[in-house]
Amino acid sequence: MPLSSRNRLYAGVAALGAAGGAWLVCASAAGSGSTICPFKLATGFACPACGSTRAVLALFEGRNPLQYNPIGLVTFAVGALALGLMLRDLATGSDRLLRTWRSAEAFARRPPVAIAGVGLLAGNWIWTLSKEL
């Protein structure tokens, strides 16, 4: 039987949450001097998200995470919110995460929002490259 949209979303959120947690554990074990970014390892240049892992680890350690990359904090916050909503939905039988996802997706597909998002990502990448992380 095919999975419903709700269950596919929950499976994706759970898988990404587990992968993100494993990534953070591996990065923490590797130490701060190691580069684990596949893009940077392949090209020698920082990717738009370079520093995101260090930002989340800095947050956990009580240090300033914004010096690394704000995208890491946004990604972590969205992921934590999605996992929390998923657990709430599973406990209550609701579909709030699915409704929230659909609303956010419709908002992000609006051309002005998409253009602003691409502009912010490009600006963040320029800032990241200028820091030579």
N, C-alpha and C. Protein backbone atom coordinates (compact mmCIF):
# COMPACT_ATOMS: atom_id res chain seq x y z
N MET A 1 0.85 -1.18 0.00
CA MET A 1 0.00 0.00 0.00
C MET A 1 0.89 1.24 0.00
N PRO A 2 0.64 2.20 -0.91
CA PRO A 2 1.48 3.40 -0.96
C PRO A 2 1.30 4.26 0.29
N LEU A 3 2.37 4.94 0.64
CA LEU A 3 2.33 5.83 1.80
C LEU A 3 1.53 7.08 1.48
N SER A 4 0.81 7.57 2.47
CA SER A 4 0.09 8.83 2.31
C SER A 4 1.09 9.99 2.30
N SER A 5 0.64 11.16 1.87
CA SER A 5 1.50 12.35 1.90
C SER A 5 2.00 12.60 3.30
N ARG A 6 1.13 12.43 4.28
CA ARG A 6 1.50 12.64 5.68
C ARG A 6 2.61 11.69 6.09
N ASN A 7 2.44 10.42 5.80
CA ASN A 7 3.44 9.43 6.21
C ASN A 7 4.76 9.59 5.46
N ARG A 8 4.70 9.98 4.18
CA ARG A 8 5.94 10.25 3.43
C ARG A 8 6.69 11.42 4.05
N LEU A 9 5.95 12.48 4.41
CA LEU A 9 6.59 13.63 5.05
C LEU A 9 7.21 13.21 6.38
N TYR A 10 6.48 12.44 7.17
CA TYR A 10 7.01 12.01 8.47
C TYR A 10 8.23 11.11 8.31
N ALA A 11 8.21 10.25 7.31
CA ALA A 11 9.37 9.39 7.07
C ALA A 11 10.57 10.24 6.67
N GLY A 12 10.34 11.24 5.83
CA GLY A 12 11.43 12.14 5.43
C GLY A 12 11.97 12.94 6.59
N VAL A 13 11.08 13.48 7.42
CA VAL A 13 11.52 14.26 8.59
C VAL A 13 12.31 13.37 9.55
N ALA A 14 11.82 12.17 9.79
CA ALA A 14 12.52 11.25 10.69
C ALA A 14 13.89 10.87 10.13
N ALA A 15 13.95 10.57 8.83
CA ALA A 15 15.22 10.19 8.21
C ALA A 15 16.21 11.35 8.23
N LEU A 16 15.74 12.55 7.88
CA LEU A 16 16.64 13.71 7.90
C LEU A 16 17.06 14.06 9.33
N GLY A 17 16.16 13.89 10.28
CA GLY A 17 16.52 14.13 11.68
C GLY A 17 17.60 13.16 12.15
N ALA A 18 17.45 11.89 11.79
CA ALA A 18 18.45 10.89 12.17
C ALA A 18 19.78 11.16 11.46
N ALA A 19 19.72 11.49 10.17
CA ALA A 19 20.95 11.79 9.43
C ALA A 19 21.63 13.03 9.99
N GLY A 20 20.85 14.06 10.31
CA GLY A 20 21.42 15.28 10.89
C GLY A 20 22.07 15.02 12.23
N GLY A 21 21.41 14.21 13.05
CA GLY A 21 21.99 13.86 14.35
C GLY A 21 23.28 13.08 14.19
N ALA A 22 23.28 12.12 13.26
CA ALA A 22 24.50 11.34 13.01
C ALA A 22 25.62 12.23 12.48
N TRP A 23 25.27 13.17 11.60
CA TRP A 23 26.26 14.11 11.05
C TRP A 23 26.89 14.92 12.17
N LEU A 24 26.07 15.42 13.09
CA LEU A 24 26.59 16.23 14.19
C LEU A 24 27.49 15.41 15.11
N VAL A 25 27.11 14.16 15.36
CA VAL A 25 27.95 13.29 16.20
C VAL A 25 29.29 13.05 15.52
N CYS A 26 29.28 12.74 14.23
CA CYS A 26 30.53 12.51 13.50
C CYS A 26 31.39 13.77 13.45
N ALA A 27 30.75 14.92 13.21
CA ALA A 27 31.50 16.18 13.14
C ALA A 27 32.10 16.52 14.49
N SER A 28 31.37 16.27 15.54
CA SER A 28 31.87 16.55 16.88
C SER A 28 33.06 15.65 17.19
N ALA A 29 32.97 14.39 16.79
CA ALA A 29 34.07 13.45 17.03
C ALA A 29 35.29 13.78 16.18
N ALA A 30 35.06 14.33 14.98
CA ALA A 30 36.17 14.66 14.08
C ALA A 30 36.99 15.83 14.60
N GLY A 31 36.38 16.69 15.38
CA GLY A 31 37.10 17.84 15.93
C GLY A 31 36.97 19.07 15.07
N SER A 32 37.32 20.20 15.63
CA SER A 32 37.10 21.48 14.95
C SER A 32 38.07 21.73 13.81
N GLY A 33 39.17 21.04 13.74
CA GLY A 33 40.14 21.29 12.69
C GLY A 33 39.87 20.53 11.41
N SER A 34 38.88 19.65 11.41
CA SER A 34 38.59 18.82 10.25
C SER A 34 37.57 19.48 9.33
N THR A 35 37.76 19.32 8.03
CA THR A 35 36.77 19.77 7.05
C THR A 35 35.99 18.56 6.59
N ILE A 36 34.67 18.60 6.80
CA ILE A 36 33.83 17.47 6.40
C ILE A 36 32.85 17.85 5.29
N CYS A 37 32.93 19.08 4.80
CA CYS A 37 32.03 19.54 3.74
C CYS A 37 32.43 18.88 2.41
N PRO A 38 31.54 18.05 1.83
CA PRO A 38 31.89 17.38 0.57
C PRO A 38 32.18 18.37 -0.56
N PHE A 39 31.45 19.48 -0.61
CA PHE A 39 31.66 20.49 -1.65
C PHE A 39 33.05 21.10 -1.52
N LYS A 40 33.42 21.47 -0.29
CA LYS A 40 34.74 22.08 -0.06
C LYS A 40 35.86 21.08 -0.31
N LEU A 41 35.66 19.84 0.07
CA LEU A 41 36.67 18.81 -0.18
C LEU A 41 36.89 18.60 -1.67
N ALA A 42 35.79 18.70 -2.46
CA ALA A 42 35.89 18.46 -3.90
C ALA A 42 36.40 19.68 -4.67
N THR A 43 36.03 20.89 -4.22
CA THR A 43 36.35 22.09 -5.01
C THR A 43 37.39 23.00 -4.37
N GLY A 44 37.56 22.89 -3.07
CA GLY A 44 38.44 23.81 -2.35
C GLY A 44 37.76 25.10 -1.95
N PHE A 45 36.50 25.27 -2.34
CA PHE A 45 35.73 26.47 -1.99
C PHE A 45 34.64 26.13 -0.99
N ALA A 46 34.33 27.08 -0.13
CA ALA A 46 33.24 26.89 0.82
C ALA A 46 31.90 26.87 0.08
N CYS A 47 31.00 26.00 0.51
CA CYS A 47 29.66 25.98 -0.06
C CYS A 47 28.80 27.02 0.66
N PRO A 48 27.58 27.30 0.16
CA PRO A 48 26.75 28.30 0.84
C PRO A 48 26.45 27.95 2.29
N ALA A 49 26.47 26.68 2.62
CA ALA A 49 26.16 26.26 3.98
C ALA A 49 27.40 25.96 4.82
N CYS A 50 28.60 26.16 4.26
CA CYS A 50 29.81 25.88 5.03
C CYS A 50 29.80 26.65 6.34
N GLY A 51 30.09 25.96 7.39
CA GLY A 51 30.06 26.54 8.72
C GLY A 51 28.78 26.22 9.47
N SER A 52 27.80 25.63 8.79
CA SER A 52 26.53 25.32 9.44
C SER A 52 26.69 24.29 10.55
N THR A 53 27.48 23.26 10.28
CA THR A 53 27.71 22.25 11.31
C THR A 53 28.41 22.88 12.50
N ARG A 54 29.44 23.67 12.24
CA ARG A 54 30.15 24.34 13.33
C ARG A 54 29.24 25.30 14.09
N ALA A 55 28.30 25.93 13.38
CA ALA A 55 27.36 26.84 14.04
C ALA A 55 26.49 26.09 15.04
N VAL A 56 25.96 24.94 14.63
CA VAL A 56 25.10 24.16 15.53
C VAL A 56 25.92 23.62 16.70
N LEU A 57 27.12 23.13 16.43
CA LEU A 57 27.96 22.64 17.52
C LEU A 57 28.32 23.78 18.48
N ALA A 58 28.58 24.97 17.95
CA ALA A 58 28.88 26.13 18.80
C ALA A 58 27.66 26.46 19.67
N LEU A 59 26.48 26.37 19.10
CA LEU A 59 25.26 26.62 19.87
C LEU A 59 25.16 25.65 21.04
N PHE A 60 25.43 24.37 20.79
CA PHE A 60 25.39 23.36 21.85
C PHE A 60 26.44 23.62 22.92
N GLU A 61 27.56 24.21 22.52
CA GLU A 61 28.66 24.47 23.46
C GLU A 61 28.55 25.83 24.13
N GLY A 62 27.50 26.59 23.81
CA GLY A 62 27.31 27.90 24.43
C GLY A 62 28.19 28.99 23.85
N ARG A 63 28.72 28.76 22.65
CA ARG A 63 29.54 29.78 21.98
C ARG A 63 28.69 30.49 20.92
N ASN A 64 29.22 31.56 20.34
CA ASN A 64 28.50 32.34 19.33
C ASN A 64 28.42 31.57 18.01
N PRO A 65 27.24 31.08 17.63
CA PRO A 65 27.13 30.31 16.39
C PRO A 65 27.10 31.18 15.13
N LEU A 66 26.73 32.45 15.26
CA LEU A 66 26.58 33.30 14.07
C LEU A 66 27.90 33.60 13.38
N GLN A 67 29.01 33.42 14.08
CA GLN A 67 30.30 33.67 13.44
C GLN A 67 30.60 32.63 12.36
N TYR A 68 29.91 31.52 12.38
CA TYR A 68 30.15 30.46 11.39
C TYR A 68 29.20 30.58 10.21
N ASN A 69 27.90 30.38 10.44
CA ASN A 69 26.94 30.49 9.35
C ASN A 69 25.52 30.49 9.91
N PRO A 70 24.75 31.55 9.66
CA PRO A 70 23.38 31.59 10.17
C PRO A 70 22.47 30.53 9.56
N ILE A 71 22.83 30.02 8.39
CA ILE A 71 22.02 28.97 7.78
C ILE A 71 21.95 27.75 8.68
N GLY A 72 23.02 27.46 9.39
CA GLY A 72 23.01 26.33 10.31
C GLY A 72 21.97 26.48 11.39
N LEU A 73 21.83 27.68 11.93
CA LEU A 73 20.83 27.92 12.97
C LEU A 73 19.42 27.81 12.42
N VAL A 74 19.20 28.36 11.22
CA VAL A 74 17.87 28.28 10.61
C VAL A 74 17.52 26.83 10.32
N THR A 75 18.45 26.09 9.75
CA THR A 75 18.22 24.68 9.44
C THR A 75 17.93 23.88 10.71
N PHE A 76 18.73 24.12 11.74
CA PHE A 76 18.53 23.42 13.01
C PHE A 76 17.16 23.75 13.60
N ALA A 77 16.78 25.03 13.59
CA ALA A 77 15.49 25.44 14.15
C ALA A 77 14.32 24.83 13.38
N VAL A 78 14.40 24.85 12.05
CA VAL A 78 13.33 24.27 11.23
C VAL A 78 13.25 22.76 11.47
N GLY A 79 14.41 22.10 11.53
CA GLY A 79 14.42 20.66 11.77
C GLY A 79 13.86 20.30 13.13
N ALA A 80 14.25 21.04 14.16
CA ALA A 80 13.75 20.77 15.51
C ALA A 80 12.24 21.01 15.58
N LEU A 81 11.78 22.08 14.93
CA LEU A 81 10.34 22.37 14.89
C LEU A 81 9.60 21.25 14.17
N ALA A 82 10.13 20.80 13.03
CA ALA A 82 9.48 19.73 12.27
C ALA A 82 9.42 18.44 13.08
N LEU A 83 10.52 18.09 13.75
CA LEU A 83 10.52 16.88 14.58
C LEU A 83 9.51 17.02 15.72
N GLY A 84 9.47 18.19 16.35
CA GLY A 84 8.51 18.42 17.43
C GLY A 84 7.07 18.32 16.96
N LEU A 85 6.77 18.95 15.81
CA LEU A 85 5.41 18.86 15.27
C LEU A 85 5.06 17.42 14.88
N MET A 86 6.03 16.70 14.34
CA MET A 86 5.78 15.31 13.96
C MET A 86 5.43 14.48 15.20
N LEU A 87 6.22 14.64 16.27
CA LEU A 87 5.95 13.88 17.49
C LEU A 87 4.59 14.26 18.08
N ARG A 88 4.26 15.55 18.02
CA ARG A 88 2.95 16.00 18.51
C ARG A 88 1.83 15.37 17.68
N ASP A 89 2.00 15.38 16.36
CA ASP A 89 0.99 14.78 15.49
C ASP A 89 0.81 13.30 15.76
N LEU A 90 1.92 12.60 15.95
CA LEU A 90 1.84 11.17 16.21
C LEU A 90 1.15 10.89 17.54
N ALA A 91 1.36 11.77 18.51
CA ALA A 91 0.73 11.59 19.83
C ALA A 91 -0.75 11.94 19.81
N THR A 92 -1.14 12.90 18.97
CA THR A 92 -2.52 13.39 18.99
C THR A 92 -3.35 12.94 17.79
N GLY A 93 -2.71 12.36 16.77
CA GLY A 93 -3.44 11.96 15.57
C GLY A 93 -3.73 13.13 14.63
N SER A 94 -3.08 14.24 14.85
CA SER A 94 -3.28 15.45 14.05
C SER A 94 -2.42 15.38 12.77
N ASP A 95 -2.59 16.37 11.92
CA ASP A 95 -1.75 16.47 10.72
C ASP A 95 -1.19 17.90 10.59
N ARG A 96 -0.88 18.50 11.71
CA ARG A 96 -0.42 19.90 11.71
C ARG A 96 0.88 20.09 10.93
N LEU A 97 1.81 19.14 11.05
CA LEU A 97 3.06 19.26 10.30
C LEU A 97 2.79 19.30 8.80
N LEU A 98 1.94 18.43 8.32
CA LEU A 98 1.62 18.40 6.89
C LEU A 98 0.98 19.71 6.45
N ARG A 99 0.05 20.23 7.23
CA ARG A 99 -0.60 21.51 6.89
C ARG A 99 0.41 22.65 6.92
N THR A 100 1.30 22.64 7.91
CA THR A 100 2.33 23.68 8.01
C THR A 100 3.28 23.59 6.83
N TRP A 101 3.67 22.37 6.46
CA TRP A 101 4.57 22.16 5.32
C TRP A 101 3.94 22.70 4.04
N ARG A 102 2.68 22.37 3.82
CA ARG A 102 2.00 22.81 2.60
C ARG A 102 1.90 24.34 2.55
N SER A 103 1.60 24.95 3.68
CA SER A 103 1.53 26.43 3.73
C SER A 103 2.88 27.06 3.46
N ALA A 104 3.93 26.51 4.08
CA ALA A 104 5.28 27.05 3.89
C ALA A 104 5.73 26.87 2.45
N GLU A 105 5.41 25.72 1.87
CA GLU A 105 5.80 25.47 0.48
C GLU A 105 5.09 26.43 -0.46
N ALA A 106 3.81 26.68 -0.24
CA ALA A 106 3.06 27.62 -1.09
C ALA A 106 3.64 29.03 -0.95
N PHE A 107 4.00 29.41 0.27
CA PHE A 107 4.59 30.73 0.50
C PHE A 107 5.94 30.85 -0.22
N ALA A 108 6.78 29.83 -0.09
CA ALA A 108 8.12 29.87 -0.68
C ALA A 108 8.09 29.85 -2.21
N ARG A 109 7.02 29.35 -2.80
CA ARG A 109 6.92 29.29 -4.27
C ARG A 109 6.49 30.62 -4.88
N ARG A 110 6.09 31.57 -4.07
CA ARG A 110 5.73 32.89 -4.60
C ARG A 110 7.00 33.54 -5.13
N PRO A 111 6.96 34.07 -6.37
CA PRO A 111 8.18 34.62 -6.98
C PRO A 111 8.94 35.64 -6.12
N PRO A 112 8.28 36.61 -5.49
CA PRO A 112 9.08 37.56 -4.68
C PRO A 112 9.79 36.88 -3.51
N VAL A 113 9.14 35.89 -2.92
CA VAL A 113 9.74 35.18 -1.79
C VAL A 113 10.90 34.33 -2.28
N ALA A 114 10.71 33.63 -3.40
CA ALA A 114 11.78 32.80 -3.96
C ALA A 114 12.98 33.65 -4.36
N ILE A 115 12.73 34.79 -4.98
CA ILE A 115 13.83 35.68 -5.40
C ILE A 115 14.57 36.21 -4.18
N ALA A 116 13.83 36.60 -3.15
CA ALA A 116 14.47 37.08 -1.92
C ALA A 116 15.29 35.97 -1.28
N GLY A 117 14.77 34.74 -1.29
CA GLY A 117 15.50 33.61 -0.72
C GLY A 117 16.80 33.33 -1.45
N VAL A 118 16.74 33.37 -2.78
CA VAL A 118 17.96 33.16 -3.58
C VAL A 118 18.95 34.28 -3.32
N GLY A 119 18.45 35.51 -3.21
CA GLY A 119 19.34 36.65 -2.91
C GLY A 119 20.01 36.52 -1.55
N LEU A 120 19.24 36.11 -0.55
CA LEU A 120 19.81 35.91 0.79
C LEU A 120 20.85 34.79 0.78
N LEU A 121 20.55 33.71 0.07
CA LEU A 121 21.50 32.60 -0.02
C LEU A 121 22.78 33.04 -0.72
N ALA A 122 22.65 33.79 -1.81
CA ALA A 122 23.83 34.28 -2.53
C ALA A 122 24.64 35.24 -1.65
N GLY A 123 23.96 36.14 -0.96
CA GLY A 123 24.65 37.05 -0.05
C GLY A 123 25.37 36.32 1.06
N ASN A 124 24.71 35.30 1.60
CA ASN A 124 25.33 34.50 2.65
C ASN A 124 26.56 33.77 2.12
N TRP A 125 26.47 33.27 0.88
CA TRP A 125 27.61 32.56 0.29
C TRP A 125 28.80 33.50 0.11
N ILE A 126 28.52 34.71 -0.37
CA ILE A 126 29.60 35.70 -0.53
C ILE A 126 30.24 36.00 0.83
N TRP A 127 29.41 36.16 1.85
CA TRP A 127 29.92 36.41 3.21
C TRP A 127 30.77 35.22 3.69
N THR A 128 30.27 34.01 3.43
CA THR A 128 31.00 32.81 3.85
C THR A 128 32.35 32.72 3.14
N LEU A 129 32.37 32.99 1.83
CA LEU A 129 33.63 32.96 1.08
C LEU A 129 34.60 34.02 1.59
N SER A 130 34.07 35.17 1.97
CA SER A 130 34.95 36.26 2.44
C SER A 130 35.60 35.93 3.78
N LYS A 131 34.98 35.04 4.57
CA LYS A 131 35.54 34.66 5.87
C LYS A 131 36.61 33.59 5.73
N GLU A 132 36.67 32.95 4.57
CA GLU A 132 37.64 31.88 4.31
C GLU A 132 37.58 30.80 5.39
N LEU A 133 36.37 30.27 5.61
CA LEU A 133 36.20 29.22 6.63
C LEU A 133 36.94 27.96 6.27
